[in-house]
Amino acid sequence: MIIRELNIEDYDSLIELFLQTPGITVRDADSKESTKKYLLRNPNLNFVATVNSEIIGCVMCGHDGRRGYLQHLIVKPKHQKKGIGQKLFEKCITNLKSIAIHKTHIFVFKDNNQANSFWMKQGWEIRDEINMYSYNETNNKNV
């Protein structure tokens, strides 16, 4: 298994992985153009795990200058429970630390039991003292 930086040429395989993964929602924000902008804005923070050139896992990571944010940590089911997810997010955490970002968040759907269990086992803390609010300036609920 090889972990390497995610690049825009991986887009079609990445979206295929998203669509095949329960608990992952693909939105308009996951378009190729949006993904390209995200990767350019967040260099050295987005990674894929490959076996024989096949993408078997990924993590997307960005920051706002103060906090890191993980999105779409995915490992194909037949490759789970081998530490790949942990290696992927640790690569993000290490690279965030190198740019002096020491706190990272991830948003997980409440009903995604597998993901919630994973993050708790990794030592991440669920937050109950804050509420997340979203504002959508369009009528498109899939933004």
N, C-alpha and C. Protein backbone atom coordinates (compact mmCIF):
# COMPACT_ATOMS: atom_id res chain seq x y z
N MET A 1 0.84 -1.17 0.00
CA MET A 1 0.00 0.00 0.00
C MET A 1 0.89 1.24 0.00
N ILE A 2 0.49 2.21 -0.79
CA ILE A 2 1.21 3.48 -0.90
C ILE A 2 0.24 4.61 -0.55
N ILE A 3 0.70 5.56 0.25
CA ILE A 3 -0.07 6.78 0.50
C ILE A 3 0.64 7.90 -0.25
N ARG A 4 -0.12 8.59 -1.07
CA ARG A 4 0.42 9.69 -1.85
C ARG A 4 -0.57 10.85 -1.87
N GLU A 5 -0.09 12.00 -2.31
CA GLU A 5 -0.96 13.17 -2.37
C GLU A 5 -2.04 12.96 -3.43
N LEU A 6 -3.24 13.36 -3.09
CA LEU A 6 -4.38 13.34 -4.01
C LEU A 6 -4.18 14.43 -5.04
N ASN A 7 -4.44 14.12 -6.31
CA ASN A 7 -4.38 15.16 -7.34
C ASN A 7 -5.65 15.10 -8.18
N ILE A 8 -5.87 16.13 -8.94
CA ILE A 8 -7.14 16.25 -9.68
C ILE A 8 -7.31 15.13 -10.70
N GLU A 9 -6.22 14.53 -11.15
CA GLU A 9 -6.33 13.40 -12.08
C GLU A 9 -7.00 12.19 -11.42
N ASP A 10 -7.06 12.17 -10.11
CA ASP A 10 -7.71 11.09 -9.36
C ASP A 10 -9.23 11.29 -9.26
N TYR A 11 -9.73 12.39 -9.77
CA TYR A 11 -11.12 12.79 -9.49
C TYR A 11 -12.14 11.70 -9.81
N ASP A 12 -12.10 11.12 -11.01
CA ASP A 12 -13.13 10.14 -11.37
C ASP A 12 -13.11 8.92 -10.44
N SER A 13 -11.93 8.44 -10.10
CA SER A 13 -11.82 7.31 -9.16
C SER A 13 -12.29 7.72 -7.76
N LEU A 14 -12.01 8.95 -7.39
CA LEU A 14 -12.41 9.46 -6.08
C LEU A 14 -13.94 9.51 -5.97
N ILE A 15 -14.60 10.07 -6.96
CA ILE A 15 -16.06 10.16 -6.93
C ILE A 15 -16.68 8.77 -6.95
N GLU A 16 -16.11 7.86 -7.72
CA GLU A 16 -16.59 6.48 -7.71
C GLU A 16 -16.51 5.88 -6.31
N LEU A 17 -15.39 6.13 -5.63
CA LEU A 17 -15.23 5.66 -4.25
C LEU A 17 -16.28 6.29 -3.33
N PHE A 18 -16.51 7.59 -3.47
CA PHE A 18 -17.53 8.26 -2.66
C PHE A 18 -18.89 7.62 -2.87
N LEU A 19 -19.26 7.41 -4.13
CA LEU A 19 -20.59 6.89 -4.46
C LEU A 19 -20.80 5.46 -3.98
N GLN A 20 -19.72 4.71 -3.83
CA GLN A 20 -19.82 3.32 -3.40
C GLN A 20 -19.76 3.18 -1.87
N THR A 21 -19.61 4.29 -1.16
CA THR A 21 -19.39 4.22 0.28
C THR A 21 -20.62 4.67 1.06
N PRO A 22 -21.25 3.76 1.82
CA PRO A 22 -22.38 4.16 2.66
C PRO A 22 -21.96 5.25 3.65
N GLY A 23 -22.85 6.22 3.87
CA GLY A 23 -22.58 7.29 4.82
C GLY A 23 -21.90 8.50 4.20
N ILE A 24 -21.48 8.40 2.94
CA ILE A 24 -20.85 9.52 2.25
C ILE A 24 -21.88 10.15 1.32
N THR A 25 -22.04 11.45 1.43
CA THR A 25 -22.95 12.18 0.57
C THR A 25 -22.15 12.99 -0.43
N VAL A 26 -22.48 12.84 -1.70
CA VAL A 26 -21.84 13.62 -2.76
C VAL A 26 -22.74 14.80 -3.07
N ARG A 27 -22.17 15.98 -3.00
CA ARG A 27 -22.92 17.21 -3.24
C ARG A 27 -22.29 17.98 -4.39
N ASP A 28 -22.94 19.06 -4.79
CA ASP A 28 -22.41 19.91 -5.84
C ASP A 28 -21.01 20.41 -5.48
N ALA A 29 -20.75 20.60 -4.20
CA ALA A 29 -19.44 21.06 -3.75
C ALA A 29 -18.34 20.04 -4.04
N ASP A 30 -18.72 18.83 -4.41
CA ASP A 30 -17.76 17.79 -4.77
C ASP A 30 -17.50 17.74 -6.28
N SER A 31 -17.91 18.78 -7.00
CA SER A 31 -17.67 18.82 -8.44
C SER A 31 -16.17 18.82 -8.73
N LYS A 32 -15.82 18.51 -9.94
CA LYS A 32 -14.40 18.48 -10.31
C LYS A 32 -13.77 19.87 -10.15
N GLU A 33 -14.46 20.90 -10.56
CA GLU A 33 -13.92 22.27 -10.45
C GLU A 33 -13.74 22.66 -8.98
N SER A 34 -14.73 22.36 -8.15
CA SER A 34 -14.62 22.68 -6.71
C SER A 34 -13.50 21.88 -6.06
N THR A 35 -13.38 20.62 -6.43
CA THR A 35 -12.32 19.78 -5.89
C THR A 35 -10.95 20.32 -6.29
N LYS A 36 -10.83 20.73 -7.53
CA LYS A 36 -9.56 21.30 -8.01
C LYS A 36 -9.18 22.54 -7.20
N LYS A 37 -10.15 23.43 -6.96
CA LYS A 37 -9.89 24.63 -6.16
C LYS A 37 -9.48 24.26 -4.74
N TYR A 38 -10.15 23.26 -4.17
CA TYR A 38 -9.85 22.81 -2.81
C TYR A 38 -8.42 22.28 -2.72
N LEU A 39 -8.03 21.47 -3.68
CA LEU A 39 -6.68 20.91 -3.67
C LEU A 39 -5.62 22.00 -3.83
N LEU A 40 -5.89 22.98 -4.68
CA LEU A 40 -4.94 24.08 -4.86
C LEU A 40 -4.83 24.93 -3.60
N ARG A 41 -5.94 25.11 -2.89
CA ARG A 41 -5.96 25.93 -1.67
C ARG A 41 -5.32 25.20 -0.49
N ASN A 42 -5.29 23.88 -0.55
CA ASN A 42 -4.81 23.07 0.58
C ASN A 42 -3.74 22.07 0.13
N PRO A 43 -2.59 22.57 -0.34
CA PRO A 43 -1.55 21.65 -0.81
C PRO A 43 -0.98 20.82 0.35
N ASN A 44 -0.55 19.61 0.02
CA ASN A 44 0.09 18.70 0.98
C ASN A 44 -0.83 18.27 2.12
N LEU A 45 -2.14 18.32 1.90
CA LEU A 45 -3.08 17.96 2.96
C LEU A 45 -4.13 16.93 2.52
N ASN A 46 -4.11 16.50 1.27
CA ASN A 46 -5.12 15.59 0.75
C ASN A 46 -4.41 14.36 0.18
N PHE A 47 -4.89 13.16 0.59
CA PHE A 47 -4.13 11.96 0.28
C PHE A 47 -5.03 10.81 -0.16
N VAL A 48 -4.43 9.90 -0.92
CA VAL A 48 -5.07 8.65 -1.28
C VAL A 48 -4.16 7.50 -0.88
N ALA A 49 -4.78 6.38 -0.58
CA ALA A 49 -4.06 5.13 -0.36
C ALA A 49 -4.31 4.28 -1.58
N THR A 50 -3.25 3.69 -2.13
CA THR A 50 -3.39 2.88 -3.33
C THR A 50 -2.76 1.50 -3.14
N VAL A 51 -3.33 0.55 -3.84
CA VAL A 51 -2.76 -0.79 -3.96
C VAL A 51 -2.77 -1.11 -5.45
N ASN A 52 -1.61 -1.38 -6.00
CA ASN A 52 -1.50 -1.65 -7.45
C ASN A 52 -2.17 -0.55 -8.27
N SER A 53 -1.95 0.68 -7.91
CA SER A 53 -2.48 1.88 -8.58
C SER A 53 -3.98 2.09 -8.40
N GLU A 54 -4.67 1.19 -7.68
CA GLU A 54 -6.10 1.37 -7.41
C GLU A 54 -6.26 2.17 -6.12
N ILE A 55 -7.10 3.20 -6.17
CA ILE A 55 -7.38 3.98 -4.97
C ILE A 55 -8.29 3.16 -4.07
N ILE A 56 -7.79 2.88 -2.87
CA ILE A 56 -8.57 2.08 -1.91
C ILE A 56 -8.98 2.91 -0.70
N GLY A 57 -8.48 4.15 -0.63
CA GLY A 57 -8.82 5.03 0.48
C GLY A 57 -8.44 6.45 0.16
N CYS A 58 -9.03 7.37 0.90
CA CYS A 58 -8.70 8.78 0.70
C CYS A 58 -9.06 9.56 1.96
N VAL A 59 -8.47 10.73 2.03
CA VAL A 59 -8.86 11.72 3.03
C VAL A 59 -8.66 13.09 2.40
N MET A 60 -9.62 13.97 2.63
CA MET A 60 -9.48 15.34 2.18
C MET A 60 -9.35 16.21 3.42
N CYS A 61 -8.47 17.18 3.36
CA CYS A 61 -8.18 18.01 4.52
C CYS A 61 -7.90 19.43 4.08
N GLY A 62 -8.41 20.37 4.84
CA GLY A 62 -8.15 21.78 4.59
C GLY A 62 -8.04 22.52 5.90
N HIS A 63 -7.89 23.82 5.81
CA HIS A 63 -7.79 24.63 7.02
C HIS A 63 -8.23 26.05 6.73
N ASP A 64 -8.51 26.77 7.80
CA ASP A 64 -8.90 28.17 7.69
C ASP A 64 -7.81 29.10 8.23
N GLY A 65 -6.63 28.54 8.46
CA GLY A 65 -5.53 29.30 9.03
C GLY A 65 -5.41 29.11 10.53
N ARG A 66 -6.47 28.63 11.18
CA ARG A 66 -6.47 28.38 12.63
C ARG A 66 -6.80 26.94 12.97
N ARG A 67 -7.74 26.36 12.25
CA ARG A 67 -8.21 25.01 12.52
C ARG A 67 -8.17 24.18 11.24
N GLY A 68 -7.89 22.90 11.43
CA GLY A 68 -7.95 21.97 10.32
C GLY A 68 -9.32 21.33 10.24
N TYR A 69 -9.67 20.87 9.05
CA TYR A 69 -10.96 20.22 8.81
C TYR A 69 -10.75 19.01 7.92
N LEU A 70 -11.17 17.86 8.39
CA LEU A 70 -11.11 16.64 7.58
C LEU A 70 -12.45 16.41 6.93
N GLN A 71 -12.40 15.91 5.72
CA GLN A 71 -13.61 15.49 5.02
C GLN A 71 -13.32 14.19 4.29
N HIS A 72 -14.34 13.40 4.14
CA HIS A 72 -14.29 12.22 3.29
C HIS A 72 -13.11 11.28 3.60
N LEU A 73 -12.97 10.88 4.85
CA LEU A 73 -12.02 9.80 5.13
C LEU A 73 -12.75 8.51 4.77
N ILE A 74 -12.23 7.82 3.77
CA ILE A 74 -12.89 6.62 3.26
C ILE A 74 -11.84 5.55 3.02
N VAL A 75 -12.15 4.32 3.42
CA VAL A 75 -11.35 3.15 3.07
C VAL A 75 -12.32 2.10 2.57
N LYS A 76 -12.03 1.53 1.41
CA LYS A 76 -12.89 0.49 0.86
C LYS A 76 -13.08 -0.62 1.90
N PRO A 77 -14.29 -1.16 2.01
CA PRO A 77 -14.59 -2.16 3.04
C PRO A 77 -13.59 -3.31 3.13
N LYS A 78 -13.15 -3.86 2.02
CA LYS A 78 -12.24 -5.02 2.11
C LYS A 78 -10.85 -4.65 2.61
N HIS A 79 -10.57 -3.35 2.70
CA HIS A 79 -9.26 -2.90 3.20
C HIS A 79 -9.36 -2.25 4.58
N GLN A 80 -10.56 -2.25 5.16
CA GLN A 80 -10.74 -1.66 6.49
C GLN A 80 -10.14 -2.56 7.57
N LYS A 81 -9.98 -1.98 8.73
CA LYS A 81 -9.44 -2.68 9.92
C LYS A 81 -7.97 -3.07 9.73
N LYS A 82 -7.25 -2.31 8.89
CA LYS A 82 -5.82 -2.56 8.66
C LYS A 82 -4.98 -1.33 9.01
N GLY A 83 -5.62 -0.30 9.59
CA GLY A 83 -4.89 0.89 9.97
C GLY A 83 -4.73 1.93 8.87
N ILE A 84 -5.34 1.70 7.72
CA ILE A 84 -5.19 2.62 6.59
C ILE A 84 -5.84 3.96 6.89
N GLY A 85 -7.05 3.95 7.42
CA GLY A 85 -7.73 5.20 7.77
C GLY A 85 -6.92 6.02 8.75
N GLN A 86 -6.38 5.35 9.75
CA GLN A 86 -5.55 6.04 10.75
C GLN A 86 -4.31 6.65 10.10
N LYS A 87 -3.65 5.90 9.22
CA LYS A 87 -2.46 6.44 8.54
C LYS A 87 -2.81 7.66 7.69
N LEU A 88 -3.96 7.60 7.04
CA LEU A 88 -4.37 8.73 6.20
C LEU A 88 -4.60 9.99 7.04
N PHE A 89 -5.40 9.87 8.11
CA PHE A 89 -5.68 11.09 8.87
C PHE A 89 -4.45 11.56 9.64
N GLU A 90 -3.59 10.63 10.07
CA GLU A 90 -2.37 11.06 10.77
C GLU A 90 -1.44 11.84 9.85
N LYS A 91 -1.43 11.50 8.56
CA LYS A 91 -0.64 12.27 7.59
C LYS A 91 -1.16 13.70 7.53
N CYS A 92 -2.47 13.86 7.55
CA CYS A 92 -3.06 15.21 7.57
C CYS A 92 -2.66 15.95 8.84
N ILE A 93 -2.81 15.30 9.98
CA ILE A 93 -2.50 15.94 11.26
C ILE A 93 -1.04 16.37 11.31
N THR A 94 -0.16 15.50 10.84
CA THR A 94 1.27 15.82 10.81
C THR A 94 1.54 17.04 9.93
N ASN A 95 0.92 17.08 8.76
CA ASN A 95 1.15 18.20 7.85
C ASN A 95 0.49 19.49 8.35
N LEU A 96 -0.64 19.36 9.03
CA LEU A 96 -1.24 20.55 9.65
C LEU A 96 -0.33 21.09 10.75
N LYS A 97 0.22 20.19 11.55
CA LYS A 97 1.13 20.59 12.62
C LYS A 97 2.33 21.36 12.06
N SER A 98 2.81 20.96 10.89
CA SER A 98 3.98 21.61 10.29
C SER A 98 3.68 23.06 9.88
N ILE A 99 2.39 23.40 9.77
CA ILE A 99 2.03 24.79 9.47
C ILE A 99 1.33 25.43 10.68
N ALA A 100 1.63 24.89 11.86
CA ALA A 100 1.19 25.44 13.16
C ALA A 100 -0.32 25.41 13.36
N ILE A 101 -0.98 24.39 12.82
CA ILE A 101 -2.40 24.18 13.09
C ILE A 101 -2.49 22.93 13.96
N HIS A 102 -2.99 23.12 15.19
CA HIS A 102 -2.93 22.07 16.20
C HIS A 102 -4.28 21.48 16.58
N LYS A 103 -5.36 22.02 16.05
CA LYS A 103 -6.69 21.48 16.35
C LYS A 103 -7.41 21.23 15.04
N THR A 104 -8.02 20.06 14.96
CA THR A 104 -8.69 19.65 13.73
C THR A 104 -10.08 19.13 14.05
N HIS A 105 -11.01 19.42 13.15
CA HIS A 105 -12.40 18.99 13.30
C HIS A 105 -12.79 18.08 12.14
N ILE A 106 -13.77 17.24 12.39
CA ILE A 106 -14.42 16.48 11.33
C ILE A 106 -15.91 16.46 11.64
N PHE A 107 -16.72 16.58 10.61
CA PHE A 107 -18.17 16.52 10.76
C PHE A 107 -18.64 15.16 10.28
N VAL A 108 -19.40 14.46 11.12
CA VAL A 108 -19.88 13.12 10.82
C VAL A 108 -21.38 13.10 11.05
N PHE A 109 -22.13 12.55 10.08
CA PHE A 109 -23.56 12.42 10.28
C PHE A 109 -23.84 11.60 11.54
N LYS A 110 -24.81 12.03 12.32
CA LYS A 110 -25.13 11.35 13.57
C LYS A 110 -25.48 9.87 13.37
N ASP A 111 -26.10 9.55 12.23
CA ASP A 111 -26.53 8.17 12.00
C ASP A 111 -25.45 7.31 11.31
N ASN A 112 -24.26 7.86 11.11
CA ASN A 112 -23.17 7.09 10.52
C ASN A 112 -22.40 6.40 11.66
N ASN A 113 -22.98 5.32 12.15
CA ASN A 113 -22.44 4.64 13.33
C ASN A 113 -21.02 4.15 13.13
N GLN A 114 -20.72 3.63 11.94
CA GLN A 114 -19.38 3.12 11.69
C GLN A 114 -18.34 4.24 11.80
N ALA A 115 -18.62 5.37 11.18
CA ALA A 115 -17.67 6.50 11.24
C ALA A 115 -17.57 7.06 12.65
N ASN A 116 -18.70 7.21 13.33
CA ASN A 116 -18.67 7.74 14.69
C ASN A 116 -17.86 6.82 15.61
N SER A 117 -18.04 5.53 15.46
CA SER A 117 -17.27 4.57 16.27
C SER A 117 -15.78 4.68 15.96
N PHE A 118 -15.44 4.80 14.68
CA PHE A 118 -14.04 4.92 14.28
C PHE A 118 -13.39 6.11 14.96
N TRP A 119 -14.02 7.29 14.87
CA TRP A 119 -13.40 8.50 15.41
C TRP A 119 -13.26 8.44 16.92
N MET A 120 -14.24 7.88 17.60
CA MET A 120 -14.15 7.76 19.05
C MET A 120 -13.01 6.81 19.44
N LYS A 121 -12.83 5.72 18.70
CA LYS A 121 -11.74 4.79 18.98
C LYS A 121 -10.38 5.42 18.72
N GLN A 122 -10.33 6.42 17.86
CA GLN A 122 -9.07 7.10 17.56
C GLN A 122 -8.74 8.19 18.58
N GLY A 123 -9.64 8.40 19.54
CA GLY A 123 -9.39 9.38 20.59
C GLY A 123 -9.95 10.77 20.29
N TRP A 124 -10.74 10.90 19.24
CA TRP A 124 -11.36 12.18 18.94
C TRP A 124 -12.56 12.36 19.87
N GLU A 125 -12.84 13.58 20.23
CA GLU A 125 -13.91 13.88 21.18
C GLU A 125 -15.14 14.41 20.46
N ILE A 126 -16.28 13.80 20.79
CA ILE A 126 -17.54 14.32 20.25
C ILE A 126 -17.89 15.58 21.03
N ARG A 127 -18.36 16.58 20.31
CA ARG A 127 -18.67 17.87 20.92
C ARG A 127 -20.18 17.97 21.13
N ASP A 128 -20.59 18.28 22.34
CA ASP A 128 -22.02 18.48 22.57
C ASP A 128 -22.32 19.88 23.08
N GLU A 129 -21.28 20.69 23.23
CA GLU A 129 -21.49 22.05 23.74
C GLU A 129 -21.65 23.08 22.62
N ILE A 130 -21.59 22.62 21.36
CA ILE A 130 -21.76 23.56 20.26
C ILE A 130 -22.82 23.04 19.30
N ASN A 131 -23.40 23.93 18.57
CA ASN A 131 -24.32 23.59 17.49
C ASN A 131 -23.68 24.02 16.18
N MET A 132 -23.90 23.24 15.15
CA MET A 132 -23.42 23.62 13.83
C MET A 132 -24.60 24.21 13.07
N TYR A 133 -24.38 25.39 12.50
CA TYR A 133 -25.38 26.04 11.67
C TYR A 133 -24.82 26.19 10.27
N SER A 134 -25.68 26.09 9.29
CA SER A 134 -25.27 26.29 7.90
C SER A 134 -26.18 27.33 7.27
N TYR A 135 -25.62 28.12 6.40
CA TYR A 135 -26.39 29.10 5.64
C TYR A 135 -26.19 28.80 4.16
N ASN A 136 -27.26 28.73 3.43
CA ASN A 136 -27.22 28.45 2.00
C ASN A 136 -27.88 29.61 1.28
N GLU A 137 -27.11 30.33 0.50
CA GLU A 137 -27.65 31.50 -0.19
C GLU A 137 -28.46 31.12 -1.44
N THR A 138 -28.54 29.82 -1.75
CA THR A 138 -29.30 29.37 -2.92
C THR A 138 -30.48 28.53 -2.45
N ASN A 139 -31.32 28.16 -3.39
CA ASN A 139 -32.41 27.23 -3.12
C ASN A 139 -31.98 25.78 -3.35
N ASN A 140 -30.74 25.58 -3.75
CA ASN A 140 -30.21 24.25 -4.04
C ASN A 140 -29.79 23.59 -2.73
N LYS A 141 -30.52 22.58 -2.31
CA LYS A 141 -30.22 21.88 -1.05
C LYS A 141 -29.01 20.95 -1.18
N ASN A 142 -28.50 20.79 -2.41
CA ASN A 142 -27.39 19.88 -2.66
C ASN A 142 -26.05 20.62 -2.79
N VAL A 143 -25.97 21.83 -2.27
CA VAL A 143 -24.73 22.61 -2.37
C VAL A 143 -23.73 22.08 -1.38
